[in-house]
Amino acid sequence: MRNWTRMCFAGLLATTLMSPALAQTAGQGNGPSNGGKASGHSNGVILEWQPGCSKGGGASASRGCGRSNPKKPVGEKPRKIVRVPLPNPKRVIVDLPDRNPVVTVAPAKPKKPKVVRKIVKPTGNAPVALAALPRPAAKPAAAPVLVGDFVADEVLVTLSGDAAMAEQIAGRFNLVVRSQRASTLLGRRIVRFGIPDGRAPEIVVAALGGADGVAAADLNAIYSLQAMRAPKNYAFERIGLQSGKSNGEGVAIAVIDSATDTRHPALKSAYAGFFDALPDFPVVDAAHGTAVGGLIAGGGNLPGMAPKARIFHARAFENGKSTMDAILAAFDWAVSQNARIVNMSFAGPQNGLMRSACEAALERGVVLVAAAGNNGPEAKPAYPGAYPGVIAVTATSERDTLMPQANRGDYVFVAAPGVDVVAPTPGGGADFMTGTSFAAAIASGAIANLIAADPTRDDNWVARTLSATARDLGAAGRDADFGYGLLTVGAAMAAAR
């Protein structure tokens, strides 16, 4: 019986070690990882005979029987270990459950390469040389410094040859190959040469121009993305308000508008309260309300005219439209919040209820600011701006020219910047805005600075002061285009003193 087992085992081993399938299995590394110790010999394998293991071999053999010191089950024979010479070190585990052998071959763990230092004996009077193996890898080239119009120590060259030609040109012209690649678009090899000796790139380009194999040589030019930084809002300068000194601290300003982006970084500290006059309508548009709120009381990189004012925001518009019912609900709420200023950056037809609401608010000393309208010079008066006592604001440009689409009429009270003014947009961005809506917002923020300086100032004081200190534009005196002229907060503050 023992001889029969040895013969079967030897035949199995010979067949297994010569089997292409086994060689493929060993190459893939699918054998057990903990079946036993790998042989320390470079010319043999260890055969581990593990009778009684679970069927299947491979990974299952590793899990069931691959421990280095498995406990011997009762009635089982001890593990047989045989060392067989092989050209390459491998570990072979032979599992013979019920005489159905399963063989797995796994490569032995590779040894870490050692750095060998050897002394080369001198011949004659030659000095002793110290060599280290293996050689260290070359250091990667440093990234170019992107300053100016071109890289100061590089040139770009297209070659008609291969990588060997690049090395030849580098040696001939004392250059260093920093990178190279084949260009499908140009049909050439592009080589980035470094200039290690401080020569001007223009001189190297001229020298390479007539060299054999060089199709073209040029400077490694530097290009820039053309994104613009958010410009400063010119409105501060035009109305005579210093950005760093504007605040409107503590002044309550009600804004009746669309929804707003409350998470915008410029507006995260601006709001003191919210009211939704359209609870049955889902919020779709928040652009207009975000821009108006930012121009009034924005902060950070997008400062508004009164960054320390408190905004009470009433949503009454969706997709640019609203009804008298929703606007009146928002108006009632705004006054109930003790707002000193109500910003109404909208326009529409006459309405008796709207007129009554404006008159009631003015009797309480509330300053009402409204857009003059964007319907052109032939348009009818826009309300509520055209009601008596309401400050109707038209829009001007950075050069104090009137926005062409602005309404005209004797109800226009003052002008304020409203053409291409920078305002926040939903999602954390900013954009240029144009319209009398935004001119009204800037006027509301500017007026908040006047009230913050003296909280006793009411709507009558504000109207008198603005009309007396506005910078006249257009025809002398009040006119249908600019009203009393360009709002000038600096002059109003000086006059108040």
Protein backbone atom coordinates (compact mmCIF):
# COMPACT_ATOMS: atom_id res chain seq x y z
CA MET A 1 0.00 0.00 0.00
CA ARG A 2 2.77 2.40 0.87
CA ASN A 3 4.60 1.63 -2.39
CA TRP A 4 1.36 2.15 -4.33
CA THR A 5 0.92 5.57 -2.72
CA ARG A 6 4.49 6.58 -3.52
CA MET A 7 4.08 5.56 -7.15
CA CYS A 8 0.81 7.49 -7.52
CA PHE A 9 2.32 10.47 -5.79
CA ALA A 10 5.39 10.51 -8.02
CA GLY A 11 3.25 10.15 -11.14
CA LEU A 12 0.95 12.87 -9.98
CA LEU A 13 3.84 15.19 -9.27
CA ALA A 14 5.49 14.60 -12.61
CA THR A 15 2.23 15.10 -14.46
CA THR A 16 1.39 18.21 -12.47
CA LEU A 17 4.72 19.91 -12.84
CA MET A 18 4.69 19.34 -16.59
CA SER A 19 1.05 20.41 -17.01
CA PRO A 20 0.51 23.70 -18.90
CA ALA A 21 -2.66 24.30 -16.87
CA LEU A 22 -0.65 24.09 -13.68
CA ALA A 23 1.93 26.45 -15.06
CA GLN A 24 -0.82 28.88 -15.91
CA THR A 25 -2.32 28.53 -12.41
CA ALA A 26 1.03 29.17 -10.82
CA GLY A 27 1.64 32.20 -12.99
CA GLN A 28 -1.68 33.72 -11.95
CA GLY A 29 -0.90 33.35 -8.28
CA ASN A 30 -4.21 31.69 -7.38
CA GLY A 31 -2.72 29.16 -4.96
CA PRO A 32 -3.03 29.26 -1.20
CA SER A 33 -1.11 31.98 0.56
CA ASN A 34 -0.61 30.24 3.90
CA GLY A 35 -0.24 26.55 3.08
CA GLY A 36 3.17 26.27 4.73
CA LYS A 37 6.65 27.70 4.69
CA ALA A 38 8.19 28.39 1.31
CA SER A 39 11.49 26.70 0.69
CA GLY A 40 14.56 28.80 1.28
CA HIS A 41 16.30 26.90 -1.50
CA SER A 42 16.46 28.38 -4.95
CA ASN A 43 16.37 24.99 -6.63
CA GLY A 44 13.40 23.17 -5.17
CA VAL A 45 9.78 23.12 -4.03
CA ILE A 46 8.12 21.83 -0.88
CA LEU A 47 5.36 19.27 -1.31
CA GLU A 48 2.88 19.25 1.53
CA TRP A 49 0.61 16.23 1.65
CA GLN A 50 -2.43 17.13 3.71
CA PRO A 51 -4.83 14.17 3.91
CA GLY A 52 -8.38 14.87 5.05
CA CYS A 53 -8.66 18.50 3.83
CA SER A 54 -11.86 19.85 2.31
CA LYS A 55 -12.41 19.13 -1.35
CA GLY A 56 -11.63 21.71 -3.96
CA GLY A 57 -8.00 22.67 -3.32
CA GLY A 58 -6.80 26.15 -4.20
CA ALA A 59 -8.28 28.79 -1.94
CA SER A 60 -10.40 26.28 -0.04
CA ALA A 61 -7.34 24.20 0.74
CA SER A 62 -5.65 27.34 1.99
CA ARG A 63 -8.54 28.16 4.30
CA GLY A 64 -9.11 24.64 5.57
CA CYS A 65 -5.61 23.19 5.88
CA GLY A 66 -3.04 25.87 5.10
CA ARG A 67 -2.03 26.64 8.70
CA SER A 68 1.58 26.12 9.55
CA ASN A 69 0.81 23.84 12.52
CA PRO A 70 -2.65 22.34 12.02
CA LYS A 71 -4.03 20.16 14.75
CA LYS A 72 -4.01 16.52 13.76
CA PRO A 73 -7.56 15.15 13.61
CA VAL A 74 -8.14 11.82 15.24
CA GLY A 75 -7.43 8.93 12.90
CA GLU A 76 -5.53 10.97 10.28
CA LYS A 77 -1.98 10.46 9.19
CA PRO A 78 0.63 13.18 9.70
CA ARG A 79 1.43 15.61 6.89
CA LYS A 80 4.04 14.43 4.38
CA ILE A 81 6.63 16.98 3.24
CA VAL A 82 8.88 16.20 0.29
CA ARG A 83 11.46 18.52 -1.30
CA VAL A 84 11.73 18.13 -5.07
CA PRO A 85 14.45 19.90 -7.12
CA LEU A 86 13.12 22.50 -9.61
CA PRO A 87 14.76 25.30 -11.62
CA ASN A 88 12.70 27.98 -9.84
CA PRO A 89 11.50 28.09 -6.25
CA LYS A 90 7.83 27.25 -5.87
CA ARG A 91 5.54 25.91 -3.17
CA VAL A 92 3.29 23.00 -4.17
CA ILE A 93 0.48 21.79 -1.94
CA VAL A 94 -0.93 18.36 -2.78
CA ASP A 95 -4.34 17.58 -1.28
CA LEU A 96 -5.42 13.94 -1.48
CA PRO A 97 -8.95 13.65 -0.11
CA ASP A 98 -10.33 10.20 -0.93
CA ARG A 99 -7.40 9.67 -3.33
CA ASN A 100 -8.63 12.49 -5.63
CA PRO A 101 -5.55 14.71 -5.78
CA VAL A 102 -5.74 18.49 -6.08
CA VAL A 103 -2.45 20.29 -6.69
CA THR A 104 -1.82 24.01 -6.34
CA VAL A 105 1.41 25.81 -7.20
CA ALA A 106 2.22 29.27 -5.90
CA PRO A 107 5.39 31.25 -6.48
CA ALA A 108 7.65 31.75 -3.53
CA LYS A 109 7.89 35.20 -1.97
CA PRO A 110 10.45 37.27 -3.87
CA LYS A 111 13.46 38.43 -1.96
CA LYS A 112 14.16 42.13 -1.65
CA PRO A 113 17.10 43.22 -3.80
CA LYS A 114 20.17 44.10 -1.83
CA VAL A 115 22.46 46.98 -2.58
CA VAL A 116 25.85 45.45 -3.12
CA ARG A 117 28.91 47.56 -2.62
CA LYS A 118 32.14 46.14 -3.90
CA ILE A 119 35.66 47.35 -4.04
CA VAL A 120 37.21 47.18 -7.46
CA LYS A 121 40.84 46.33 -7.02
CA PRO A 122 43.16 48.80 -8.70
CA THR A 123 45.46 47.86 -11.46
CA GLY A 124 48.82 49.52 -11.21
CA ASN A 125 48.48 52.99 -9.64
CA ALA A 126 44.76 53.44 -10.45
CA PRO A 127 42.65 54.66 -7.50
CA VAL A 128 40.13 52.44 -5.79
CA ALA A 129 36.57 52.84 -7.22
CA LEU A 130 33.44 52.37 -5.11
CA ALA A 131 30.41 51.10 -7.08
CA ALA A 132 26.83 50.69 -5.86
CA LEU A 133 24.32 48.35 -7.45
CA PRO A 134 21.58 48.85 -8.52
CA ARG A 135 21.95 52.37 -9.92
CA PRO A 136 19.62 55.03 -8.45
CA ALA A 137 16.73 56.26 -10.61
CA ALA A 138 17.12 59.63 -12.33
CA LYS A 139 15.41 62.57 -10.62
CA PRO A 140 12.34 63.97 -12.44
CA ALA A 141 12.73 67.32 -14.15
CA ALA A 142 11.51 70.33 -12.18
CA ALA A 143 8.28 72.02 -13.32
CA PRO A 144 8.85 75.14 -15.43
CA VAL A 145 8.41 78.55 -13.83
CA LEU A 146 5.45 80.20 -15.59
CA VAL A 147 6.26 83.87 -15.36
CA GLY A 148 6.25 86.33 -18.23
CA ASP A 149 5.57 85.53 -21.88
CA PHE A 150 7.67 82.36 -22.17
CA VAL A 151 9.60 79.84 -20.06
CA ALA A 152 13.02 81.39 -19.46
CA ASP A 153 15.11 78.21 -19.75
CA GLU A 154 13.30 76.10 -22.35
CA VAL A 155 12.67 75.80 -26.07
CA LEU A 156 10.20 73.65 -28.00
CA VAL A 157 11.39 71.78 -31.08
CA THR A 158 9.60 69.57 -33.60
CA LEU A 159 11.75 66.83 -35.09
CA SER A 160 11.39 64.64 -38.14
CA GLY A 161 13.22 61.83 -36.34
CA ASP A 162 12.82 59.68 -33.25
CA ALA A 163 13.92 59.80 -29.61
CA ALA A 164 17.49 59.00 -30.56
CA MET A 165 17.61 62.11 -32.73
CA ALA A 166 16.41 64.19 -29.76
CA GLU A 167 19.33 62.93 -27.67
CA GLN A 168 21.75 63.67 -30.50
CA ILE A 169 20.53 67.26 -30.82
CA ALA A 170 20.68 67.68 -27.06
CA GLY A 171 24.33 66.63 -27.06
CA ARG A 172 25.21 68.78 -30.06
CA PHE A 173 23.67 71.99 -28.68
CA ASN A 174 24.31 71.43 -24.96
CA LEU A 175 20.64 70.97 -24.09
CA VAL A 176 18.68 68.62 -21.82
CA VAL A 177 15.68 66.61 -23.00
CA ARG A 178 12.94 67.35 -20.46
CA SER A 179 10.06 65.71 -22.27
CA GLN A 180 9.13 64.43 -25.71
CA ARG A 181 6.14 62.90 -27.43
CA ALA A 182 4.79 62.14 -30.89
CA SER A 183 2.16 64.64 -32.09
CA THR A 184 -0.59 63.17 -34.24
CA LEU A 185 -1.80 66.65 -35.11
CA LEU A 186 1.60 67.91 -36.33
CA GLY A 187 2.92 64.59 -37.56
CA ARG A 188 6.22 65.29 -35.76
CA ARG A 189 7.97 64.55 -32.51
CA ILE A 190 7.73 67.44 -30.05
CA VAL A 191 10.70 67.81 -27.73
CA ARG A 192 10.95 70.18 -24.78
CA PHE A 193 14.62 71.03 -24.31
CA GLY A 194 16.03 72.62 -21.18
CA ILE A 195 18.86 75.16 -21.37
CA PRO A 196 21.21 74.36 -18.47
CA ASP A 197 23.82 77.09 -19.03
CA GLY A 198 21.70 80.25 -18.86
CA ARG A 199 21.67 81.10 -22.58
CA ALA A 200 18.75 83.16 -23.80
CA PRO A 201 16.03 80.99 -25.39
CA GLU A 202 15.96 83.26 -28.44
CA ILE A 203 19.63 82.47 -29.16
CA VAL A 204 19.04 78.73 -28.84
CA VAL A 205 16.01 78.94 -31.14
CA ALA A 206 18.09 80.72 -33.77
CA ALA A 207 20.86 78.11 -33.52
CA LEU A 208 18.45 75.19 -33.84
CA GLY A 209 16.67 76.67 -36.84
CA GLY A 210 19.01 75.22 -39.46
CA ALA A 211 19.95 71.97 -37.73
CA ASP A 212 19.44 68.65 -39.50
CA GLY A 213 16.23 66.93 -38.48
CA VAL A 214 14.73 70.06 -36.86
CA ALA A 215 11.41 70.92 -38.47
CA ALA A 216 10.76 73.97 -36.26
CA ALA A 217 12.08 75.58 -33.08
CA ASP A 218 10.32 78.14 -30.95
CA LEU A 219 9.96 79.59 -27.47
CA ASN A 220 7.84 77.71 -24.92
CA ALA A 221 5.24 80.49 -24.77
CA ILE A 222 2.97 81.01 -21.74
CA TYR A 223 -0.79 81.42 -22.13
CA SER A 224 -3.40 82.46 -19.55
CA LEU A 225 -7.04 81.57 -19.02
CA GLN A 226 -9.17 84.63 -19.65
CA ALA A 227 -11.45 84.50 -16.62
CA MET A 228 -12.19 87.91 -15.11
CA ARG A 229 -12.08 88.63 -11.44
CA ALA A 230 -15.28 90.19 -10.16
CA PRO A 231 -14.78 93.94 -10.63
CA LYS A 232 -15.59 96.40 -7.90
CA ASN A 233 -19.04 97.88 -8.08
CA TYR A 234 -18.67 101.31 -9.66
CA ALA A 235 -21.84 102.45 -7.90
CA PHE A 236 -19.88 103.37 -4.76
CA GLU A 237 -17.77 105.86 -6.64
CA ARG A 238 -20.63 107.33 -8.67
CA ILE A 239 -22.85 108.10 -5.67
CA GLY A 240 -19.99 109.29 -3.45
CA LEU A 241 -20.15 106.44 -0.93
CA GLN A 242 -16.92 104.90 0.35
CA SER A 243 -17.14 101.13 0.27
CA GLY A 244 -15.15 100.63 3.46
CA LYS A 245 -17.23 103.15 5.42
CA SER A 246 -20.71 102.18 4.23
CA ASN A 247 -22.79 100.19 6.69
CA GLY A 248 -26.45 101.15 7.25
CA GLU A 249 -26.05 99.44 10.59
CA GLY A 250 -29.25 98.32 12.22
CA VAL A 251 -31.59 99.80 9.59
CA ALA A 252 -34.48 97.46 8.72
CA ILE A 253 -35.09 97.25 4.98
CA ALA A 254 -38.01 95.26 3.57
CA VAL A 255 -37.56 93.79 0.10
CA ILE A 256 -40.66 92.67 -1.83
CA ASP A 257 -39.30 90.53 -4.62
CA SER A 258 -38.75 87.00 -5.89
CA ALA A 259 -37.18 84.30 -3.74
CA THR A 260 -33.54 84.73 -2.80
CA ASP A 261 -30.50 82.52 -2.34
CA THR A 262 -30.08 82.59 1.42
CA ARG A 263 -26.93 80.41 1.19
CA HIS A 264 -25.01 82.80 -1.01
CA PRO A 265 -21.76 83.81 0.78
CA ALA A 266 -22.52 87.48 0.14
CA LEU A 267 -25.92 87.21 1.79
CA LYS A 268 -25.42 84.76 4.64
CA SER A 269 -25.51 87.55 7.25
CA ALA A 270 -27.93 89.92 5.53
CA TYR A 271 -31.37 88.52 6.37
CA ALA A 272 -33.38 89.12 9.53
CA GLY A 273 -36.71 87.62 8.49
CA PHE A 274 -38.68 85.97 5.69
CA PHE A 275 -42.25 85.94 4.45
CA ASP A 276 -43.75 83.91 1.62
CA ALA A 277 -46.78 85.52 -0.01
CA LEU A 278 -46.97 82.65 -2.54
CA PRO A 279 -47.01 79.53 -0.37
CA ASP A 280 -48.87 77.51 -3.02
CA PHE A 281 -46.30 78.19 -5.73
CA PRO A 282 -43.01 76.26 -5.80
CA VAL A 283 -39.85 78.36 -5.91
CA VAL A 284 -38.37 78.33 -9.39
CA ASP A 285 -36.62 81.66 -9.79
CA ALA A 286 -34.42 83.37 -7.21
CA ALA A 287 -32.13 85.46 -9.44
CA HIS A 288 -33.83 88.85 -9.14
CA GLY A 289 -34.28 88.71 -5.38
CA THR A 290 -30.69 87.52 -4.85
CA ALA A 291 -29.29 90.42 -6.91
CA VAL A 292 -31.47 93.05 -5.23
CA GLY A 293 -30.62 91.79 -1.74
CA GLY A 294 -26.91 91.71 -2.57
CA LEU A 295 -26.85 95.26 -3.94
CA ILE A 296 -28.53 96.50 -0.78
CA ALA A 297 -26.72 94.56 1.94
CA GLY A 298 -24.24 92.16 0.39
CA GLY A 299 -20.95 91.39 2.12
CA GLY A 300 -17.58 89.78 1.50
CA ASN A 301 -16.33 90.11 -2.08
CA LEU A 302 -19.68 91.54 -3.23
CA PRO A 303 -20.39 94.35 -0.80
CA GLY A 304 -23.71 96.14 -0.99
CA MET A 305 -24.45 99.75 -0.20
CA ALA A 306 -25.46 98.94 3.40
CA PRO A 307 -23.73 95.69 4.44
CA LYS A 308 -24.80 96.00 8.08
CA ALA A 309 -28.46 96.65 7.41
CA ARG A 310 -31.09 94.02 8.25
CA ILE A 311 -33.16 92.73 5.33
CA PHE A 312 -36.70 91.45 5.81
CA HIS A 313 -37.34 89.53 2.62
CA ALA A 314 -40.87 88.94 1.31
CA ARG A 315 -41.29 86.55 -1.59
CA ALA A 316 -44.18 87.81 -3.72
CA PHE A 317 -42.95 87.11 -7.28
CA GLU A 318 -42.40 83.92 -9.26
CA ASN A 319 -41.06 83.87 -12.83
CA GLY A 320 -41.07 87.66 -12.70
CA LYS A 321 -44.80 88.00 -12.04
CA SER A 322 -47.05 88.66 -9.05
CA THR A 323 -50.58 89.83 -8.17
CA MET A 324 -51.90 92.73 -6.17
CA ASP A 325 -53.10 90.27 -3.55
CA ALA A 326 -49.61 88.80 -2.99
CA ILE A 327 -47.93 92.20 -3.04
CA LEU A 328 -50.35 93.62 -0.47
CA ALA A 329 -49.74 90.62 1.80
CA ALA A 330 -46.00 91.21 1.55
CA PHE A 331 -46.49 94.97 2.10
CA ASP A 332 -48.52 94.36 5.27
CA TRP A 333 -45.85 92.03 6.62
CA ALA A 334 -43.04 94.48 5.79
CA VAL A 335 -44.65 97.32 7.73
CA SER A 336 -45.40 94.98 10.64
CA GLN A 337 -41.66 94.30 10.90
CA ASN A 338 -41.06 98.04 11.50
CA ALA A 339 -39.15 98.39 8.25
CA ARG A 340 -37.73 101.89 7.77
CA ILE A 341 -37.34 101.38 4.02
CA VAL A 342 -39.43 99.26 1.65
CA ASN A 343 -37.69 98.39 -1.63
CA MET A 344 -40.10 97.72 -4.51
CA SER A 345 -38.05 96.83 -7.60
CA PHE A 346 -41.12 96.21 -9.74
CA ALA A 347 -43.63 98.15 -11.83
CA GLY A 348 -47.19 97.80 -13.08
CA PRO A 349 -50.47 99.63 -13.65
CA GLN A 350 -52.38 101.93 -11.36
CA ASN A 351 -54.34 100.27 -8.58
CA GLY A 352 -56.40 101.89 -5.86
CA LEU A 353 -55.35 99.39 -3.21
CA MET A 354 -51.67 99.87 -4.01
CA ARG A 355 -52.07 103.64 -3.75
CA SER A 356 -53.79 103.33 -0.39
CA ALA A 357 -51.07 101.02 0.89
CA CYS A 358 -48.34 103.44 -0.13
CA GLU A 359 -50.10 106.39 1.49
CA ALA A 360 -50.54 104.45 4.72
CA ALA A 361 -46.88 103.52 4.82
CA LEU A 362 -45.76 107.09 4.14
CA GLU A 363 -47.93 108.33 7.01
CA ARG A 364 -45.85 106.06 9.27
CA GLY A 365 -42.62 107.65 8.03
CA VAL A 366 -41.57 104.63 5.96
CA VAL A 367 -39.33 105.46 3.01
CA LEU A 368 -40.70 103.86 -0.18
CA VAL A 369 -38.26 103.23 -3.05
CA ALA A 370 -39.45 101.85 -6.40
CA ALA A 371 -38.15 101.16 -9.90
CA ALA A 372 -39.02 103.80 -12.50
CA GLY A 373 -39.58 101.09 -15.16
CA ASN A 374 -37.79 99.53 -18.14
CA ASN A 375 -40.42 100.00 -20.85
CA GLY A 376 -38.82 102.81 -22.83
CA PRO A 377 -39.26 106.57 -23.25
CA GLU A 378 -42.82 106.33 -24.65
CA ALA A 379 -44.16 104.05 -21.94
CA LYS A 380 -46.92 105.02 -19.53
CA PRO A 381 -45.94 105.88 -15.93
CA ALA A 382 -44.98 102.83 -13.88
CA TYR A 383 -46.51 102.22 -10.46
CA PRO A 384 -45.99 102.27 -7.52
CA GLY A 385 -43.05 104.55 -8.47
CA ALA A 386 -45.42 107.14 -9.97
CA TYR A 387 -47.47 107.57 -6.78
CA PRO A 388 -46.75 110.79 -4.83
CA GLY A 389 -44.17 110.41 -2.09
CA VAL A 390 -42.58 107.28 -3.59
CA ILE A 391 -38.94 107.70 -4.66
CA ALA A 392 -38.89 106.46 -8.27
CA VAL A 393 -35.33 105.61 -9.35
CA THR A 394 -34.07 105.44 -12.92
CA ALA A 395 -30.85 103.73 -14.07
CA THR A 396 -27.60 105.24 -15.30
CA SER A 397 -24.29 103.80 -16.51
CA GLU A 398 -20.75 104.15 -15.25
CA ARG A 399 -20.50 107.28 -17.45
CA ASP A 400 -23.74 108.69 -16.03
CA THR A 401 -25.67 108.11 -19.24
CA LEU A 402 -29.31 107.07 -19.03
CA MET A 403 -30.27 103.46 -19.68
CA PRO A 404 -32.01 103.60 -23.08
CA GLN A 405 -34.88 101.33 -21.99
CA ALA A 406 -35.75 103.45 -18.94
CA ASN A 407 -39.19 105.01 -18.58
CA ARG A 408 -39.40 108.78 -18.73
CA GLY A 409 -41.80 111.05 -16.90
CA ASP A 410 -42.19 113.77 -14.34
CA TYR A 411 -42.54 111.14 -11.60
CA VAL A 412 -38.86 110.10 -11.95
CA PHE A 413 -37.25 111.34 -8.72
CA VAL A 414 -33.50 110.51 -8.89
CA ALA A 415 -31.05 108.42 -10.88
CA ALA A 416 -28.68 105.76 -9.54
CA PRO A 417 -26.24 103.29 -11.12
CA GLY A 418 -28.17 100.44 -12.75
CA VAL A 419 -26.31 99.51 -15.94
CA ASP A 420 -23.89 96.60 -15.67
CA VAL A 421 -23.66 96.68 -11.90
CA VAL A 422 -22.12 93.61 -10.28
CA ALA A 423 -24.55 91.62 -8.15
CA PRO A 424 -24.68 88.13 -6.63
CA THR A 425 -26.46 85.30 -8.45
CA PRO A 426 -27.96 82.07 -7.09
CA GLY A 427 -25.44 79.33 -6.47
CA GLY A 428 -22.70 81.56 -5.11
CA GLY A 429 -21.81 83.45 -8.28
CA ALA A 430 -22.01 87.01 -9.55
CA ASP A 431 -22.97 88.72 -12.77
CA PHE A 432 -23.56 92.09 -14.38
CA MET A 433 -27.11 93.35 -13.93
CA THR A 434 -28.97 96.11 -15.75
CA GLY A 435 -32.35 97.68 -14.97
CA THR A 436 -34.14 100.23 -12.85
CA SER A 437 -34.78 97.41 -10.36
CA PHE A 438 -31.10 97.40 -9.45
CA ALA A 439 -30.85 101.18 -9.44
CA ALA A 440 -33.67 101.18 -6.87
CA ALA A 441 -31.80 98.63 -4.75
CA ILE A 442 -28.67 100.78 -4.75
CA ALA A 443 -30.77 103.82 -3.76
CA SER A 444 -32.34 101.87 -0.88
CA GLY A 445 -28.92 100.84 0.44
CA ALA A 446 -27.63 104.39 0.11
CA ILE A 447 -30.61 105.81 2.02
CA ALA A 448 -30.00 103.26 4.79
CA ASN A 449 -26.65 104.94 5.43
CA LEU A 450 -28.41 108.30 5.90
CA ILE A 451 -30.91 106.83 8.36
CA ALA A 452 -28.21 104.91 10.24
CA ALA A 453 -26.44 108.22 10.89
CA ASP A 454 -29.64 109.58 12.49
CA PRO A 455 -32.59 107.22 13.07
CA THR A 456 -35.00 110.16 13.47
CA ARG A 457 -34.83 110.94 9.77
CA ASP A 458 -38.11 110.06 8.04
CA ASP A 459 -39.39 109.90 4.48
CA ASN A 460 -39.86 113.67 4.18
CA TRP A 461 -36.32 114.41 5.34
CA VAL A 462 -34.91 111.83 2.94
CA ALA A 463 -36.85 113.24 -0.03
CA ARG A 464 -35.82 116.83 0.68
CA THR A 465 -32.16 115.93 1.20
CA LEU A 466 -31.84 113.76 -1.90
CA SER A 467 -33.47 116.32 -4.16
CA ALA A 468 -31.26 119.11 -2.81
CA THR A 469 -27.97 117.24 -3.10
CA ALA A 470 -28.42 115.21 -6.30
CA ARG A 471 -25.93 115.98 -9.07
CA ASP A 472 -27.87 117.47 -11.94
CA LEU A 473 -27.78 115.50 -15.18
CA GLY A 474 -29.44 116.36 -18.48
CA ALA A 475 -31.55 119.52 -18.62
CA ALA A 476 -31.13 121.99 -15.78
CA GLY A 477 -33.25 121.23 -12.76
CA ARG A 478 -35.66 118.32 -12.49
CA ASP A 479 -36.38 116.64 -15.81
CA ALA A 480 -38.27 113.63 -17.14
CA ASP A 481 -35.10 111.60 -17.77
CA PHE A 482 -32.98 111.90 -14.60
CA GLY A 483 -35.40 113.53 -12.15
CA TYR A 484 -33.36 115.70 -9.79
CA GLY A 485 -30.16 114.03 -11.00
CA LEU A 486 -27.70 111.42 -9.79
CA LEU A 487 -28.10 110.33 -6.19
CA THR A 488 -25.08 111.59 -4.22
CA VAL A 489 -24.88 110.16 -0.71
CA GLY A 490 -21.63 111.89 0.14
CA ALA A 491 -23.12 115.31 -0.52
CA ALA A 492 -26.29 114.37 1.41
CA MET A 493 -24.23 113.38 4.45
CA ALA A 494 -22.19 116.56 4.24
CA ALA A 495 -25.33 118.68 4.02
CA ALA A 496 -26.86 116.91 7.03
CA ARG A 497 -23.92 117.88 9.19
